[in-house]
C-alpha atoms as a PDB file:
ATOM      1  CA  MET A   1      -3.891  13.468  -9.545  1.00  0.00           C
ATOM      2  CA  LYS A   2      -1.415  14.001 -12.392  1.00  0.00           C
ATOM      3  CA  GLY A   3      -0.108  17.274 -10.981  1.00  0.00           C
ATOM      4  CA  LYS A   4      -3.561  18.814 -10.537  1.00  0.00           C
ATOM      5  CA  TYR A   5      -3.272  19.070  -6.784  1.00  0.00           C
ATOM      6  CA  ARG A   6      -5.638  22.011  -6.295  1.00  0.00           C
ATOM      7  CA  THR A   7      -8.396  20.240  -8.184  1.00  0.00           C
ATOM      8  CA  ALA A   8      -7.719  17.027  -6.296  1.00  0.00           C
ATOM      9  CA  ILE A   9      -7.906  18.839  -2.950  1.00  0.00           C
ATOM     10  CA  SER A  10     -11.389  20.138  -3.767  1.00  0.00           C
ATOM     11  CA  TYR A  11     -12.527  16.551  -4.398  1.00  0.00           C
ATOM     12  CA  PHE A  12     -10.855  15.337  -1.224  1.00  0.00           C
ATOM     13  CA  GLU A  13     -12.618  18.050   0.789  1.00  0.00           C
ATOM     14  CA  LYS A  14     -15.998  17.014  -0.629  1.00  0.00           C
ATOM     15  CA  SER A  15     -15.243  13.385   0.145  1.00  0.00           C
ATOM     16  CA  LEU A  16     -14.277  14.283   3.719  1.00  0.00           C
ATOM     17  CA  GLU A  17     -17.616  16.049   4.199  1.00  0.00           C
ATOM     18  CA  ILE A  18     -19.198  12.601   3.834  1.00  0.00           C
ATOM     19  CA  ALA A  19     -16.530  10.440   5.467  1.00  0.00           C
ATOM     20  CA  THR A  20     -14.687  12.695   7.908  1.00  0.00           C
ATOM     21  CA  HIS A  21     -12.451   9.915   9.209  1.00  0.00           C
ATOM     22  CA  ASP A  22     -11.280   8.465   5.892  1.00  0.00           C
ATOM     23  CA  VAL A  23      -7.554   8.104   6.486  1.00  0.00           C
ATOM     24  CA  GLU A  24      -6.795   7.286   2.839  1.00  0.00           C
ATOM     25  CA  VAL A  25      -8.368  10.532   1.636  1.00  0.00           C
ATOM     26  CA  LEU A  26      -6.658  12.517   4.377  1.00  0.00           C
ATOM     27  CA  ILE A  27      -3.273  11.124   3.323  1.00  0.00           C
ATOM     28  CA  LEU A  28      -3.949  12.041  -0.304  1.00  0.00           C
ATOM     29  CA  GLU A  29      -5.006  15.519   0.764  1.00  0.00           C
ATOM     30  CA  ALA A  30      -1.916  15.927   2.955  1.00  0.00           C
ATOM     31  CA  ASN A  31       0.326  14.814   0.091  1.00  0.00           C
ATOM     32  CA  SER A  32      -1.355  17.300  -2.243  1.00  0.00           C
ATOM     33  CA  TYR A  33      -0.827  20.165   0.179  1.00  0.00           C
ATOM     34  CA  PHE A  34       2.775  19.043   0.621  1.00  0.00           C
ATOM     35  CA  ARG A  35       3.344  19.061  -3.155  1.00  0.00           C
ATOM     36  CA  LEU A  36       1.907  22.588  -3.322  1.00  0.00           C
ATOM     37  CA  GLY A  37       4.272  23.695  -0.552  1.00  0.00           C
ATOM     38  CA  ASN A  38       1.469  24.367   1.917  1.00  0.00           C
ATOM     39  CA  PHE A  39       3.134  22.655   4.863  1.00  0.00           C
ATOM     40  CA  THR A  40       0.726  24.089   7.439  1.00  0.00           C
ATOM     41  CA  LYS A  41      -2.297  22.459   5.784  1.00  0.00           C
ATOM     42  CA  ALA A  42      -0.350  19.241   5.204  1.00  0.00           C
ATOM     43  CA  ILE A  43       0.581  19.079   8.883  1.00  0.00           C
ATOM     44  CA  GLY A  44      -3.060  19.742   9.810  1.00  0.00           C
ATOM     45  CA  CYS A  45      -4.129  16.724   7.769  1.00  0.00           C
ATOM     46  CA  CYS A  46      -1.392  14.637   9.365  1.00  0.00           C
ATOM     47  CA  ASP A  47      -2.566  15.677  12.828  1.00  0.00           C
ATOM     48  CA  LYS A  48      -6.120  14.530  11.992  1.00  0.00           C
ATOM     49  CA  ILE A  49      -4.785  11.195  10.798  1.00  0.00           C
ATOM     50  CA  LYS A  50      -2.746  10.770  13.992  1.00  0.00           C
ATOM     51  CA  GLU A  51      -5.922  11.325  16.027  1.00  0.00           C
ATOM     52  CA  ILE A  52      -7.762   8.655  14.041  1.00  0.00           C
ATOM     53  CA  ASP A  53      -4.915   6.173  13.590  1.00  0.00           C
ATOM     54  CA  PRO A  54      -1.901   6.981  15.790  1.00  0.00           C
ATOM     55  CA  LYS A  55       0.148   4.050  14.451  1.00  0.00           C
ATOM     56  CA  ASN A  56      -0.306   4.862  10.757  1.00  0.00           C
ATOM     57  CA  LYS A  57       3.044   4.362   8.991  1.00  0.00           C
ATOM     58  CA  ALA A  58       2.191   6.497   5.953  1.00  0.00           C
ATOM     59  CA  VAL A  59       1.456   9.558   8.065  1.00  0.00           C
ATOM     60  CA  LYS A  60       4.667   9.071  10.026  1.00  0.00           C
ATOM     61  CA  GLU A  61       6.698   8.993   6.808  1.00  0.00           C
ATOM     62  CA  LEU A  62       4.862  11.996   5.374  1.00  0.00           C
ATOM     63  CA  SER A  63       5.322  13.985   8.584  1.00  0.00           C
ATOM     64  CA  GLU A  64       9.061  13.318   8.428  1.00  0.00           C
ATOM     65  CA  LYS A  65       9.132  14.405   4.778  1.00  0.00           C
ATOM     66  CA  ILE A  66       7.311  17.642   5.623  1.00  0.00           C
ATOM     67  CA  GLU A  67       9.628  18.438   8.527  1.00  0.00           C
ATOM     68  CA  SER A  68      12.640  17.763   6.325  1.00  0.00           C
ATOM     69  CA  ALA A  69      11.306  20.001   3.534  1.00  0.00           C
ATOM     70  CA  LYS A  70      10.593  22.858   5.964  1.00  0.00           C
ATOM     71  CA  LYS A  71      14.297  23.192   6.796  1.00  0.00           C
END
């Protein structure tokens, strides 16, 4: 991604049109939104991941990071 989060997000969105339940892509997208400071979108991605894979460790850690950054 090399700091080009907006560009990366557009690719992630296209990828998710094909594979809507790709947890890896959703995590990358959530991280990109987090880096851009768009916590609402990042949380939305995390919520989708939790629906697909409730025990996912990466999403748990990212959710905690987002909540901590919001304060």
